[in-house]
Amino acid sequence: MLDRNSPVPLYHQLSELLLGQILNGRLKSRDAIPTERELVDTHSVSRITVRRAISELESRGFVQREQGRGTFVRPPQVHRLASRLTSFSEEIAARGMTPGAQLLSFRKEPAPGRVAHELQLENGASVWAIERLRLADSEAVVVNVSYLSLPDHIQLTEDEITAETSLWALLESKGVLMVEATRTIEAIAAGEREAGLLDVEVGSPLLLVEGLVYTQSSLPVEFYQIIGRADRYKYELHVTR
């Protein structure tokens, strides 16, 4: 119930009440929150109070409005620490979500020019090229392309890639350990293909993350590109002076 004798504004009390329902699971991800009319009638407040409460939740990232449909609980963001070397699957699991992957393409091919340069390979050297749609709780979050430079005795199969959600876990099972990496992050706009795969509008903001991963012998083993939805995917960087 709202306390009309409290110095806390009614809109903020209503915002906190709705937030409590989101955090305790009464309102789940993608559930519609009550309509403005329902909130006005239930809590005996003005439409302006309701709108300010919803705007506050929206600015804090807990709900999102969809034109002509209503206001819905926003799915949690995938939050990655740029200062730690963890796989996508590890980060998703650490956030209490279930990681998943949909294989888009798998092949062994001559390394494209830039890939050969990044992986310190001669022109025409073979790499494994793996493109996957990465999922969090069955929802597409990023498109991930990995180029792998592996010793000849290490082979990969499509069945292995499909069965193992974490590519790094698969590689580690074959004796390839990832110990350090470099990353760059930039903002891009969604093209038609990315928009279709990630279920966003063409031109929507996306994050492009490119990285180079090294093994214990300090040799580059993976060059990757991750294209993620800016509304679902963010990086946190901790720095000290």
C-alpha atoms as a PDB file:
ATOM      1  CA  MET A   1       0.000   0.000   0.000  1.00  0.00           C
ATOM      2  CA  LEU A   2       1.078   3.572  -0.599  1.00  0.00           C
ATOM      3  CA  ASP A   3       1.613   5.778   2.445  1.00  0.00           C
ATOM      4  CA  ARG A   4       0.106   9.204   1.818  1.00  0.00           C
ATOM      5  CA  ASN A   5       1.585  10.540   5.079  1.00  0.00           C
ATOM      6  CA  SER A   6       5.114   9.713   4.000  1.00  0.00           C
ATOM      7  CA  PRO A   7       7.463  12.449   2.744  1.00  0.00           C
ATOM      8  CA  VAL A   8       8.426  10.060  -0.073  1.00  0.00           C
ATOM      9  CA  PRO A   9       6.585  11.080  -3.256  1.00  0.00           C
ATOM     10  CA  LEU A  10       3.751   8.771  -4.274  1.00  0.00           C
ATOM     11  CA  TYR A  11       5.241   8.165  -7.710  1.00  0.00           C
ATOM     12  CA  HIS A  12       8.471   6.891  -6.130  1.00  0.00           C
ATOM     13  CA  GLN A  13       6.543   4.682  -3.696  1.00  0.00           C
ATOM     14  CA  LEU A  14       4.630   3.194  -6.622  1.00  0.00           C
ATOM     15  CA  SER A  15       7.832   2.722  -8.581  1.00  0.00           C
ATOM     16  CA  GLU A  16       9.405   0.862  -5.642  1.00  0.00           C
ATOM     17  CA  LEU A  17       6.275  -1.262  -5.193  1.00  0.00           C
ATOM     18  CA  LEU A  18       6.411  -2.376  -8.838  1.00  0.00           C
ATOM     19  CA  LEU A  19      10.158  -2.925  -8.597  1.00  0.00           C
ATOM     20  CA  GLY A  20       9.615  -5.196  -5.615  1.00  0.00           C
ATOM     21  CA  GLN A  21       7.216  -7.301  -7.690  1.00  0.00           C
ATOM     22  CA  ILE A  22       9.857  -7.563 -10.423  1.00  0.00           C
ATOM     23  CA  LEU A  23      12.670  -8.504  -8.048  1.00  0.00           C
ATOM     24  CA  ASN A  24      10.631 -11.104  -6.150  1.00  0.00           C
ATOM     25  CA  GLY A  25       9.499 -12.741  -9.387  1.00  0.00           C
ATOM     26  CA  ARG A  26       5.836 -11.843  -9.210  1.00  0.00           C
ATOM     27  CA  LEU A  27       6.412  -9.904 -12.435  1.00  0.00           C
ATOM     28  CA  LYS A  28       8.759 -11.937 -14.598  1.00  0.00           C
ATOM     29  CA  SER A  29      10.924 -11.054 -17.583  1.00  0.00           C
ATOM     30  CA  ARG A  30       8.746  -9.882 -20.503  1.00  0.00           C
ATOM     31  CA  ASP A  31       5.568  -9.832 -18.398  1.00  0.00           C
ATOM     32  CA  ALA A  32       3.309  -6.849 -19.015  1.00  0.00           C
ATOM     33  CA  ILE A  33       2.992  -4.604 -15.995  1.00  0.00           C
ATOM     34  CA  PRO A  34      -0.512  -3.379 -15.092  1.00  0.00           C
ATOM     35  CA  THR A  35      -1.902  -0.701 -17.383  1.00  0.00           C
ATOM     36  CA  GLU A  36      -2.047   2.954 -16.389  1.00  0.00           C
ATOM     37  CA  ARG A  37      -5.799   2.659 -15.788  1.00  0.00           C
ATOM     38  CA  GLU A  38      -5.333  -0.449 -13.607  1.00  0.00           C
ATOM     39  CA  LEU A  39      -2.650   1.267 -11.513  1.00  0.00           C
ATOM     40  CA  VAL A  40      -4.756   4.417 -11.160  1.00  0.00           C
ATOM     41  CA  ASP A  41      -7.764   2.404  -9.967  1.00  0.00           C
ATOM     42  CA  THR A  42      -5.813   0.017  -7.729  1.00  0.00           C
ATOM     43  CA  HIS A  43      -3.769   2.658  -5.905  1.00  0.00           C
ATOM     44  CA  SER A  44      -6.120   5.663  -6.127  1.00  0.00           C
ATOM     45  CA  VAL A  45      -3.495   7.905  -7.649  1.00  0.00           C
ATOM     46  CA  SER A  46      -3.459  10.225 -10.632  1.00  0.00           C
ATOM     47  CA  ARG A  47      -2.418   9.220 -14.131  1.00  0.00           C
ATOM     48  CA  ILE A  48       0.501  11.664 -13.823  1.00  0.00           C
ATOM     49  CA  THR A  49       1.748   9.786 -10.729  1.00  0.00           C
ATOM     50  CA  VAL A  50       1.531   6.482 -12.582  1.00  0.00           C
ATOM     51  CA  ARG A  51       3.396   7.847 -15.592  1.00  0.00           C
ATOM     52  CA  ARG A  52       6.196   9.247 -13.419  1.00  0.00           C
ATOM     53  CA  ALA A  53       6.518   5.899 -11.604  1.00  0.00           C
ATOM     54  CA  ILE A  54       6.787   3.984 -14.882  1.00  0.00           C
ATOM     55  CA  SER A  55       9.231   6.540 -16.292  1.00  0.00           C
ATOM     56  CA  GLU A  56      11.420   6.051 -13.228  1.00  0.00           C
ATOM     57  CA  LEU A  57      11.440   2.266 -13.720  1.00  0.00           C
ATOM     58  CA  GLU A  58      12.199   2.734 -17.397  1.00  0.00           C
ATOM     59  CA  SER A  59      15.125   5.092 -16.731  1.00  0.00           C
ATOM     60  CA  ARG A  60      16.560   2.517 -14.297  1.00  0.00           C
ATOM     61  CA  GLY A  61      16.342  -0.174 -16.964  1.00  0.00           C
ATOM     62  CA  PHE A  62      13.707  -2.413 -15.373  1.00  0.00           C
ATOM     63  CA  VAL A  63      10.891  -1.941 -17.885  1.00  0.00           C
ATOM     64  CA  GLN A  64      10.520  -0.999 -21.528  1.00  0.00           C
ATOM     65  CA  ARG A  65       7.577   0.541 -23.360  1.00  0.00           C
ATOM     66  CA  GLU A  66       6.422  -0.928 -26.656  1.00  0.00           C
ATOM     67  CA  GLN A  67       4.350   1.351 -28.828  1.00  0.00           C
ATOM     68  CA  GLY A  68       0.744   0.216 -29.035  1.00  0.00           C
ATOM     69  CA  ARG A  69       1.333  -2.824 -26.803  1.00  0.00           C
ATOM     70  CA  GLY A  70       2.117  -1.634 -23.289  1.00  0.00           C
ATOM     71  CA  THR A  71       4.990  -1.688 -20.817  1.00  0.00           C
ATOM     72  CA  PHE A  72       6.929  -4.888 -20.152  1.00  0.00           C
ATOM     73  CA  VAL A  73       9.505  -6.132 -17.667  1.00  0.00           C
ATOM     74  CA  ARG A  74      12.867  -5.824 -19.353  1.00  0.00           C
ATOM     75  CA  PRO A  75      15.091  -8.931 -19.535  1.00  0.00           C
ATOM     76  CA  PRO A  76      18.294  -8.619 -17.470  1.00  0.00           C
ATOM     77  CA  GLN A  77      21.396  -7.370 -19.245  1.00  0.00           C
ATOM     78  CA  VAL A  78      24.388  -9.593 -19.883  1.00  0.00           C
ATOM     79  CA  HIS A  79      27.006  -7.797 -17.792  1.00  0.00           C
ATOM     80  CA  ARG A  80      30.641  -8.657 -18.518  1.00  0.00           C
ATOM     81  CA  LEU A  81      33.741  -7.527 -16.654  1.00  0.00           C
ATOM     82  CA  ALA A  82      36.355  -6.357 -19.151  1.00  0.00           C
ATOM     83  CA  SER A  83      39.099  -6.914 -16.565  1.00  0.00           C
ATOM     84  CA  ARG A  84      38.465 -10.673 -16.259  1.00  0.00           C
ATOM     85  CA  LEU A  85      39.052 -13.397 -18.830  1.00  0.00           C
ATOM     86  CA  THR A  86      35.838 -15.389 -18.842  1.00  0.00           C
ATOM     87  CA  SER A  87      33.850 -17.039 -21.579  1.00  0.00           C
ATOM     88  CA  PHE A  88      30.373 -15.913 -22.582  1.00  0.00           C
ATOM     89  CA  SER A  89      28.923 -19.115 -21.105  1.00  0.00           C
ATOM     90  CA  GLU A  90      30.656 -18.537 -17.768  1.00  0.00           C
ATOM     91  CA  GLU A  91      29.366 -14.964 -17.544  1.00  0.00           C
ATOM     92  CA  ILE A  92      25.816 -15.968 -18.428  1.00  0.00           C
ATOM     93  CA  ALA A  93      25.798 -18.754 -15.832  1.00  0.00           C
ATOM     94  CA  ALA A  94      27.269 -16.390 -13.207  1.00  0.00           C
ATOM     95  CA  ARG A  95      24.311 -14.051 -13.790  1.00  0.00           C
ATOM     96  CA  GLY A  96      21.866 -16.835 -13.024  1.00  0.00           C
ATOM     97  CA  MET A  97      20.825 -17.354 -16.646  1.00  0.00           C
ATOM     98  CA  THR A  98      21.152 -20.399 -18.873  1.00  0.00           C
ATOM     99  CA  PRO A  99      23.701 -20.059 -21.701  1.00  0.00           C
ATOM    100  CA  GLY A 100      22.963 -21.479 -25.120  1.00  0.00           C
ATOM    101  CA  ALA A 101      24.247 -21.447 -28.672  1.00  0.00           C
ATOM    102  CA  GLN A 102      22.871 -21.937 -32.152  1.00  0.00           C
ATOM    103  CA  LEU A 103      25.459 -22.931 -34.759  1.00  0.00           C
ATOM    104  CA  LEU A 104      25.211 -20.778 -37.885  1.00  0.00           C
ATOM    105  CA  SER A 105      28.281 -21.995 -39.776  1.00  0.00           C
ATOM    106  CA  PHE A 106      31.292 -24.258 -39.233  1.00  0.00           C
ATOM    107  CA  ARG A 107      34.161 -24.751 -41.648  1.00  0.00           C
ATOM    108  CA  LYS A 108      37.915 -24.955 -42.074  1.00  0.00           C
ATOM    109  CA  GLU A 109      39.192 -22.370 -44.535  1.00  0.00           C
ATOM    110  CA  PRO A 110      42.200 -20.251 -45.517  1.00  0.00           C
ATOM    111  CA  ALA A 111      42.467 -17.404 -43.043  1.00  0.00           C
ATOM    112  CA  PRO A 112      41.184 -14.068 -44.384  1.00  0.00           C
ATOM    113  CA  GLY A 113      43.894 -11.412 -44.566  1.00  0.00           C
ATOM    114  CA  ARG A 114      43.157  -9.631 -41.313  1.00  0.00           C
ATOM    115  CA  VAL A 115      42.597 -12.897 -39.438  1.00  0.00           C
ATOM    116  CA  ALA A 116      45.965 -14.230 -40.648  1.00  0.00           C
ATOM    117  CA  HIS A 117      47.627 -11.026 -39.488  1.00  0.00           C
ATOM    118  CA  GLU A 118      45.997 -11.098 -36.031  1.00  0.00           C
ATOM    119  CA  LEU A 119      46.817 -14.796 -35.516  1.00  0.00           C
ATOM    120  CA  GLN A 120      50.372 -14.346 -36.821  1.00  0.00           C
ATOM    121  CA  LEU A 121      49.845 -16.843 -39.639  1.00  0.00           C
ATOM    122  CA  GLU A 122      51.189 -17.029 -43.150  1.00  0.00           C
ATOM    123  CA  ASN A 123      48.791 -16.086 -45.931  1.00  0.00           C
ATOM    124  CA  GLY A 124      46.657 -19.079 -46.869  1.00  0.00           C
ATOM    125  CA  ALA A 125      47.134 -20.911 -43.546  1.00  0.00           C
ATOM    126  CA  SER A 126      44.037 -22.816 -42.457  1.00  0.00           C
ATOM    127  CA  VAL A 127      41.844 -21.774 -39.539  1.00  0.00           C
ATOM    128  CA  TRP A 128      38.622 -23.071 -38.060  1.00  0.00           C
ATOM    129  CA  ALA A 129      35.802 -20.559 -38.610  1.00  0.00           C
ATOM    130  CA  ILE A 130      32.818 -20.915 -36.276  1.00  0.00           C
ATOM    131  CA  GLU A 131      29.819 -18.597 -36.267  1.00  0.00           C
ATOM    132  CA  ARG A 132      27.195 -18.965 -33.556  1.00  0.00           C
ATOM    133  CA  LEU A 133      24.194 -17.127 -32.207  1.00  0.00           C
ATOM    134  CA  ARG A 134      24.700 -16.916 -28.452  1.00  0.00           C
ATOM    135  CA  LEU A 135      21.687 -17.166 -26.170  1.00  0.00           C
ATOM    136  CA  ALA A 136      20.789 -16.165 -22.623  1.00  0.00           C
ATOM    137  CA  ASP A 137      17.693 -17.955 -21.308  1.00  0.00           C
ATOM    138  CA  SER A 138      16.908 -18.957 -24.917  1.00  0.00           C
ATOM    139  CA  GLU A 139      16.984 -15.328 -26.142  1.00  0.00           C
ATOM    140  CA  ALA A 140      19.503 -14.220 -28.795  1.00  0.00           C
ATOM    141  CA  VAL A 141      21.981 -11.767 -27.294  1.00  0.00           C
ATOM    142  CA  VAL A 142      25.076 -11.766 -29.524  1.00  0.00           C
ATOM    143  CA  VAL A 143      26.399 -13.066 -32.831  1.00  0.00           C
ATOM    144  CA  ASN A 144      29.832 -14.602 -32.229  1.00  0.00           C
ATOM    145  CA  VAL A 145      32.412 -15.431 -34.931  1.00  0.00           C
ATOM    146  CA  SER A 146      35.573 -17.253 -33.811  1.00  0.00           C
ATOM    147  CA  TYR A 147      38.646 -17.998 -35.915  1.00  0.00           C
ATOM    148  CA  LEU A 148      40.863 -20.653 -34.338  1.00  0.00           C
ATOM    149  CA  SER A 149      44.482 -21.473 -35.090  1.00  0.00           C
ATOM    150  CA  LEU A 150      45.026 -24.968 -33.680  1.00  0.00           C
ATOM    151  CA  PRO A 151      47.801 -27.550 -33.980  1.00  0.00           C
ATOM    152  CA  ASP A 152      47.204 -30.114 -36.731  1.00  0.00           C
ATOM    153  CA  HIS A 153      46.604 -32.918 -34.225  1.00  0.00           C
ATOM    154  CA  ILE A 154      43.615 -31.071 -32.721  1.00  0.00           C
ATOM    155  CA  GLN A 155      40.484 -31.550 -34.789  1.00  0.00           C
ATOM    156  CA  LEU A 156      36.963 -30.231 -34.310  1.00  0.00           C
ATOM    157  CA  THR A 157      33.664 -31.653 -35.470  1.00  0.00           C
ATOM    158  CA  GLU A 158      30.281 -30.060 -36.009  1.00  0.00           C
ATOM    159  CA  ASP A 159      28.736 -32.474 -33.508  1.00  0.00           C
ATOM    160  CA  GLU A 160      31.188 -31.331 -30.811  1.00  0.00           C
ATOM    161  CA  ILE A 161      30.514 -27.655 -31.485  1.00  0.00           C
ATOM    162  CA  THR A 162      26.767 -28.237 -31.380  1.00  0.00           C
ATOM    163  CA  ALA A 163      26.857 -30.327 -28.206  1.00  0.00           C
ATOM    164  CA  GLU A 164      29.150 -28.063 -26.156  1.00  0.00           C
ATOM    165  CA  THR A 165      27.767 -24.606 -25.411  1.00  0.00           C
ATOM    166  CA  SER A 166      31.155 -23.262 -24.331  1.00  0.00           C
ATOM    167  CA  LEU A 167      33.795 -23.288 -27.067  1.00  0.00           C
ATOM    168  CA  TRP A 168      36.499 -22.616 -24.508  1.00  0.00           C
ATOM    169  CA  ALA A 169      35.418 -25.614 -22.437  1.00  0.00           C
ATOM    170  CA  LEU A 170      35.681 -27.785 -25.558  1.00  0.00           C
ATOM    171  CA  LEU A 171      39.153 -26.457 -26.331  1.00  0.00           C
ATOM    172  CA  GLU A 172      40.301 -26.937 -22.753  1.00  0.00           C
ATOM    173  CA  SER A 173      39.160 -30.562 -22.922  1.00  0.00           C
ATOM    174  CA  LYS A 174      41.587 -30.906 -25.844  1.00  0.00           C
ATOM    175  CA  GLY A 175      44.462 -29.316 -23.924  1.00  0.00           C
ATOM    176  CA  VAL A 176      44.179 -25.766 -25.269  1.00  0.00           C
ATOM    177  CA  LEU A 177      44.090 -23.345 -22.315  1.00  0.00           C
ATOM    178  CA  MET A 178      43.131 -19.672 -22.664  1.00  0.00           C
ATOM    179  CA  VAL A 179      45.180 -17.479 -20.318  1.00  0.00           C
ATOM    180  CA  GLU A 180      45.058 -13.879 -21.577  1.00  0.00           C
ATOM    181  CA  ALA A 181      43.337 -11.694 -24.142  1.00  0.00           C
ATOM    182  CA  THR A 182      43.092  -8.233 -25.647  1.00  0.00           C
ATOM    183  CA  ARG A 183      39.756  -6.580 -26.506  1.00  0.00           C
ATOM    184  CA  THR A 184      38.444  -3.558 -28.348  1.00  0.00           C
ATOM    185  CA  ILE A 185      34.862  -2.290 -28.047  1.00  0.00           C
ATOM    186  CA  GLU A 186      33.020   0.041 -30.396  1.00  0.00           C
ATOM    187  CA  ALA A 187      29.474   1.052 -31.234  1.00  0.00           C
ATOM    188  CA  ILE A 188      27.975   0.095 -34.598  1.00  0.00           C
ATOM    189  CA  ALA A 189      24.547   0.128 -36.254  1.00  0.00           C
ATOM    190  CA  ALA A 190      22.679  -3.077 -37.048  1.00  0.00           C
ATOM    191  CA  GLY A 191      22.692  -4.178 -40.674  1.00  0.00           C
ATOM    192  CA  GLU A 192      19.963  -6.353 -42.138  1.00  0.00           C
ATOM    193  CA  ARG A 193      21.602  -9.650 -41.188  1.00  0.00           C
ATOM    194  CA  GLU A 194      22.429  -8.652 -37.599  1.00  0.00           C
ATOM    195  CA  ALA A 195      18.964  -7.140 -37.173  1.00  0.00           C
ATOM    196  CA  GLY A 196      17.328 -10.379 -38.300  1.00  0.00           C
ATOM    197  CA  LEU A 197      19.451 -12.591 -36.060  1.00  0.00           C
ATOM    198  CA  LEU A 198      19.138 -10.398 -32.961  1.00  0.00           C
ATOM    199  CA  ASP A 199      15.505  -9.388 -33.482  1.00  0.00           C
ATOM    200  CA  VAL A 200      16.125  -5.640 -33.589  1.00  0.00           C
ATOM    201  CA  GLU A 201      15.398  -2.914 -36.121  1.00  0.00           C
ATOM    202  CA  VAL A 202      17.910  -2.132 -38.862  1.00  0.00           C
ATOM    203  CA  GLY A 203      20.058   0.727 -37.601  1.00  0.00           C
ATOM    204  CA  SER A 204      19.621  -0.179 -33.928  1.00  0.00           C
ATOM    205  CA  PRO A 205      22.709   0.371 -31.748  1.00  0.00           C
ATOM    206  CA  LEU A 206      24.941  -2.668 -31.304  1.00  0.00           C
ATOM    207  CA  LEU A 207      28.286  -3.302 -29.603  1.00  0.00           C
ATOM    208  CA  LEU A 208      31.135  -4.791 -31.625  1.00  0.00           C
ATOM    209  CA  VAL A 209      33.761  -6.489 -29.468  1.00  0.00           C
ATOM    210  CA  GLU A 210      36.894  -7.852 -31.122  1.00  0.00           C
ATOM    211  CA  GLY A 211      39.461  -9.867 -29.241  1.00  0.00           C
ATOM    212  CA  LEU A 212      42.594 -11.915 -29.516  1.00  0.00           C
ATOM    213  CA  VAL A 213      43.087 -14.799 -27.071  1.00  0.00           C
ATOM    214  CA  TYR A 214      46.448 -16.340 -26.159  1.00  0.00           C
ATOM    215  CA  THR A 215      47.493 -19.728 -24.797  1.00  0.00           C
ATOM    216  CA  GLN A 216      50.054 -20.449 -22.076  1.00  0.00           C
ATOM    217  CA  SER A 217      52.816 -20.339 -24.694  1.00  0.00           C
ATOM    218  CA  SER A 218      51.813 -16.717 -25.499  1.00  0.00           C
ATOM    219  CA  LEU A 219      50.690 -17.737 -28.977  1.00  0.00           C
ATOM    220  CA  PRO A 220      47.423 -16.318 -30.350  1.00  0.00           C
ATOM    221  CA  VAL A 221      44.869 -19.106 -30.678  1.00  0.00           C
ATOM    222  CA  GLU A 222      41.581 -17.269 -31.282  1.00  0.00           C
ATOM    223  CA  PHE A 223      40.517 -14.081 -33.020  1.00  0.00           C
ATOM    224  CA  TYR A 224      36.860 -13.350 -32.369  1.00  0.00           C
ATOM    225  CA  GLN A 225      34.183 -10.824 -33.163  1.00  0.00           C
ATOM    226  CA  ILE A 226      31.096 -10.423 -30.994  1.00  0.00           C
ATOM    227  CA  ILE A 227      28.164  -8.296 -32.113  1.00  0.00           C
ATOM    228  CA  GLY A 228      25.734  -7.754 -29.258  1.00  0.00           C
ATOM    229  CA  ARG A 229      22.499  -5.919 -28.596  1.00  0.00           C
ATOM    230  CA  ALA A 230      23.312  -2.671 -26.797  1.00  0.00           C
ATOM    231  CA  ASP A 231      20.163  -3.018 -24.685  1.00  0.00           C
ATOM    232  CA  ARG A 232      21.125  -6.502 -23.457  1.00  0.00           C
ATOM    233  CA  TYR A 233      24.909  -6.515 -23.443  1.00  0.00           C
ATOM    234  CA  LYS A 234      27.341  -4.250 -21.622  1.00  0.00           C
ATOM    235  CA  TYR A 235      30.923  -4.245 -20.350  1.00  0.00           C
ATOM    236  CA  GLU A 236      32.204  -2.998 -17.022  1.00  0.00           C
ATOM    237  CA  LEU A 237      35.810  -1.836 -16.671  1.00  0.00           C
ATOM    238  CA  HIS A 238      37.427  -1.490 -13.244  1.00  0.00           C
ATOM    239  CA  VAL A 239      40.536   0.710 -13.182  1.00  0.00           C
ATOM    240  CA  THR A 240      42.790   2.014 -10.410  1.00  0.00           C
ATOM    241  CA  ARG A 241      45.284   4.816 -10.194  1.00  0.00           C
END
